[in-house]
N, C-alpha and C. Protein backbone atom coordinates (compact mmCIF):
# COMPACT_ATOMS: atom_id res chain seq x y z
N MET A 1 0.91 -1.17 -0.08
CA MET A 1 0.14 -0.23 0.02
C MET A 1 1.04 1.29 0.05
N ARG A 2 0.38 2.14 -0.56
CA ARG A 2 1.17 3.52 -0.99
C ARG A 2 0.25 4.44 -0.84
N VAL A 3 0.77 5.68 -0.13
CA VAL A 3 -0.16 7.12 0.17
C VAL A 3 0.80 7.84 -0.51
N LEU A 4 0.21 8.79 -1.90
CA LEU A 4 0.69 9.68 -2.03
C LEU A 4 -0.04 11.11 -2.17
N TYR A 5 0.60 12.30 -1.75
CA TYR A 5 0.14 13.47 -2.00
C TYR A 5 0.93 14.49 -2.99
N ASP A 6 0.12 14.51 -4.04
CA ASP A 6 0.51 15.91 -4.62
C ASP A 6 0.04 17.02 -4.64
N SER A 7 0.94 18.12 -3.90
CA SER A 7 0.67 19.36 -3.43
C SER A 7 0.26 20.32 -4.67
N GLU A 8 0.95 19.68 -5.97
CA GLU A 8 0.70 20.83 -7.07
C GLU A 8 -0.55 20.51 -7.61
N THR A 9 -1.54 19.47 -7.41
CA THR A 9 -2.55 18.98 -7.89
C THR A 9 -4.10 18.94 -6.89
N ASP A 10 -3.44 18.94 -5.34
CA ASP A 10 -3.59 18.97 -4.16
C ASP A 10 -4.74 17.78 -3.90
N THR A 11 -4.17 16.51 -4.55
CA THR A 11 -4.59 15.33 -4.58
C THR A 11 -3.94 14.30 -3.70
N LEU A 12 -4.42 13.12 -2.85
CA LEU A 12 -4.24 12.34 -1.87
C LEU A 12 -4.78 11.20 -2.48
N THR A 13 -3.72 10.59 -2.64
CA THR A 13 -3.86 8.87 -3.37
C THR A 13 -3.81 7.60 -2.45
N VAL A 14 -4.48 6.95 -2.35
CA VAL A 14 -4.19 5.85 -1.43
C VAL A 14 -4.42 4.43 -2.26
N ILE A 15 -2.92 3.90 -2.62
CA ILE A 15 -3.21 2.83 -4.02
C ILE A 15 -2.98 1.68 -3.05
N PHE A 16 -4.01 0.62 -3.08
CA PHE A 16 -3.75 -1.03 -2.35
C PHE A 16 -3.48 -1.91 -3.04
N ALA A 17 -3.20 -1.53 -4.40
CA ALA A 17 -2.66 -2.93 -5.30
C ALA A 17 -2.05 -2.16 -6.89
N ASP A 18 -1.09 -2.63 -7.20
CA ASP A 18 -0.67 -2.40 -8.55
C ASP A 18 -1.37 -2.80 -9.66
N SER A 19 -2.78 -3.15 -9.56
CA SER A 19 -3.49 -3.72 -10.68
C SER A 19 -4.02 -2.62 -11.92
N PRO A 20 -4.15 -2.85 -12.80
CA PRO A 20 -4.52 -1.98 -13.75
C PRO A 20 -6.16 -2.05 -13.61
N VAL A 21 -6.21 -0.21 -13.30
CA VAL A 21 -7.64 0.21 -13.42
C VAL A 21 -8.33 0.19 -14.61
N VAL A 22 -9.63 -0.10 -14.17
CA VAL A 22 -10.36 -0.84 -15.72
C VAL A 22 -11.86 0.13 -15.39
N GLU A 23 -12.31 0.51 -13.96
CA GLU A 23 -13.68 1.60 -13.83
C GLU A 23 -13.08 2.31 -12.52
N SER A 24 -13.78 3.74 -12.52
CA SER A 24 -13.74 4.88 -11.62
C SER A 24 -14.67 4.83 -11.50
N ASP A 25 -15.56 5.50 -10.42
CA ASP A 25 -16.40 6.18 -9.76
C ASP A 25 -16.27 7.00 -8.82
N GLU A 26 -16.86 7.60 -8.95
CA GLU A 26 -16.75 9.24 -8.11
C GLU A 26 -17.85 9.03 -6.97
N ASP A 27 -17.24 8.43 -5.92
CA ASP A 27 -18.83 8.26 -5.12
C ASP A 27 -19.18 8.91 -4.17
N LYS A 28 -18.62 9.88 -3.75
CA LYS A 28 -19.02 11.20 -3.43
C LYS A 28 -18.13 12.33 -4.46
N PRO A 29 -18.48 13.50 -4.38
CA PRO A 29 -17.76 14.62 -4.90
C PRO A 29 -16.51 14.75 -4.61
N GLY A 30 -15.66 14.53 -5.13
CA GLY A 30 -14.17 14.72 -4.88
C GLY A 30 -13.52 13.18 -4.26
N THR A 31 -14.56 12.69 -4.36
CA THR A 31 -13.95 11.08 -3.93
C THR A 31 -13.88 9.87 -4.96
N ILE A 32 -12.74 9.66 -5.63
CA ILE A 32 -12.83 8.73 -6.80
C ILE A 32 -12.59 7.17 -6.19
N LEU A 33 -13.44 6.21 -6.48
CA LEU A 33 -12.84 5.13 -6.17
C LEU A 33 -12.56 4.34 -7.52
N ASP A 34 -11.06 3.65 -7.45
CA ASP A 34 -10.96 2.80 -8.76
C ASP A 34 -10.81 1.25 -8.49
N TYR A 35 -11.20 0.70 -9.25
CA TYR A 35 -11.57 -0.52 -9.73
C TYR A 35 -10.63 -1.26 -10.27
N ASP A 36 -10.34 -2.74 -10.33
CA ASP A 36 -9.73 -3.62 -11.27
C ASP A 36 -10.69 -4.39 -11.76
N ALA A 37 -10.65 -5.17 -13.04
CA ALA A 37 -11.46 -6.07 -13.84
C ALA A 37 -12.16 -7.11 -13.12
N SER A 38 -11.65 -7.40 -11.46
CA SER A 38 -12.37 -8.33 -10.70
C SER A 38 -13.37 -7.50 -10.04
N GLY A 39 -13.36 -6.14 -10.37
CA GLY A 39 -14.12 -5.34 -8.97
C GLY A 39 -13.54 -4.99 -8.02
N ASN A 40 -12.28 -5.35 -7.82
CA ASN A 40 -11.68 -4.82 -6.43
C ASN A 40 -11.20 -3.75 -6.33
N LEU A 41 -10.93 -3.21 -4.82
CA LEU A 41 -10.45 -1.48 -4.62
C LEU A 41 -9.28 -1.30 -4.97
N VAL A 42 -8.82 -0.89 -6.37
CA VAL A 42 -7.16 -0.61 -6.38
C VAL A 42 -6.76 0.24 -5.92
N SER A 43 -7.43 1.80 -6.01
CA SER A 43 -7.28 2.91 -5.21
C SER A 43 -8.25 3.88 -4.53
N LEU A 44 -7.85 4.70 -3.79
CA LEU A 44 -8.98 5.95 -3.77
C LEU A 44 -7.94 7.17 -3.66
N GLU A 45 -8.63 8.11 -4.33
CA GLU A 45 -8.35 9.37 -4.71
C GLU A 45 -9.01 10.52 -4.25
N ILE A 46 -8.33 11.56 -3.16
CA ILE A 46 -9.85 12.46 -2.38
C ILE A 46 -8.81 13.92 -3.68
N LEU A 47 -9.63 14.70 -4.12
CA LEU A 47 -9.54 15.88 -4.66
C LEU A 47 -9.57 16.80 -3.97
N ASP A 48 -8.83 18.00 -3.85
CA ASP A 48 -8.69 18.76 -3.01
C ASP A 48 -8.72 18.74 -1.51
N ALA A 49 -7.45 17.85 -1.74
CA ALA A 49 -7.34 17.05 -0.02
C ALA A 49 -7.09 18.32 0.78
N SER A 50 -6.54 19.24 0.70
CA SER A 50 -6.20 20.27 2.10
C SER A 50 -7.31 20.65 2.53
N GLN A 51 -8.36 20.55 1.68
CA GLN A 51 -9.81 20.95 2.43
C GLN A 51 -10.98 20.11 2.72
N ARG A 52 -10.77 18.65 2.63
CA ARG A 52 -11.20 17.44 2.87
C ARG A 52 -10.32 16.65 4.01
N VAL A 53 -8.80 16.81 4.08
CA VAL A 53 -8.19 15.84 5.10
C VAL A 53 -7.58 16.77 5.58
N GLY A 54 -7.79 16.55 7.26
CA GLY A 54 -6.79 17.28 8.52
C GLY A 54 -5.00 17.96 8.03
N LEU A 55 -4.72 16.66 7.84
CA LEU A 55 -2.94 17.06 7.53
C LEU A 55 -2.94 16.28 6.47
N PRO A 56 -3.15 16.58 4.91
CA PRO A 56 -2.65 15.56 3.99
C PRO A 56 -0.94 15.40 3.77
N THR A 57 -0.52 16.11 4.38
CA THR A 57 1.32 15.85 4.03
C THR A 57 1.63 15.14 5.10
N GLN A 58 0.83 14.49 6.52
CA GLN A 58 1.16 13.58 7.25
C GLN A 58 0.09 12.47 7.38
N ILE A 59 0.90 11.57 7.71
CA ILE A 59 0.54 9.93 7.75
C ILE A 59 0.69 9.53 9.26
N GLU A 60 -0.50 8.94 9.67
CA GLU A 60 -0.11 7.71 11.13
C GLU A 60 -0.71 6.24 10.47
N TYR A 61 0.18 5.16 10.72
CA TYR A 61 -0.08 4.11 10.17
C TYR A 61 0.14 3.17 11.63
N ARG A 62 -1.03 2.38 11.95
CA ARG A 62 -0.56 1.52 12.89
C ARG A 62 -1.53 -0.05 12.77
N VAL A 63 -0.76 -1.12 12.97
CA VAL A 63 -1.29 -2.12 12.92
C VAL A 63 -2.01 -2.90 14.21
N VAL A 64 -3.37 -3.38 14.68
CA VAL A 64 -3.83 -3.32 15.50
C VAL A 64 -3.69 -4.97 15.86
N PRO A 65 -3.21 -4.96 17.23
CA PRO A 65 -2.94 -6.46 17.43
C PRO A 65 -4.18 -7.20 17.22
N ALA A 66 -4.01 -8.58 17.05
CA ALA A 66 -5.40 -9.53 16.59
C ALA A 66 -5.89 -9.69 17.73
N GLY A 67 -7.39 -9.68 18.11
CA GLY A 67 -8.32 -9.59 19.33
C GLY A 67 -8.27 -8.69 19.95
N THR A 68 -7.94 -7.26 19.17
CA THR A 68 -8.47 -6.17 20.22
C THR A 68 -9.21 -5.51 19.31
């Protein structure tokens, strides 16, 4: 998984898989979901990220222990 923030376009992208995108849906205005040929989610794109995400240039990642 990769998280990319492009400050020039103010776009935040979370890439879940390196599969080719065959379909994109704008779930809500400014939120684009990309799918592969099997219907699996490949990536999530947030437009105007600085207005929609608290701090698009920072990320926190945690693995929650099993059973919690």
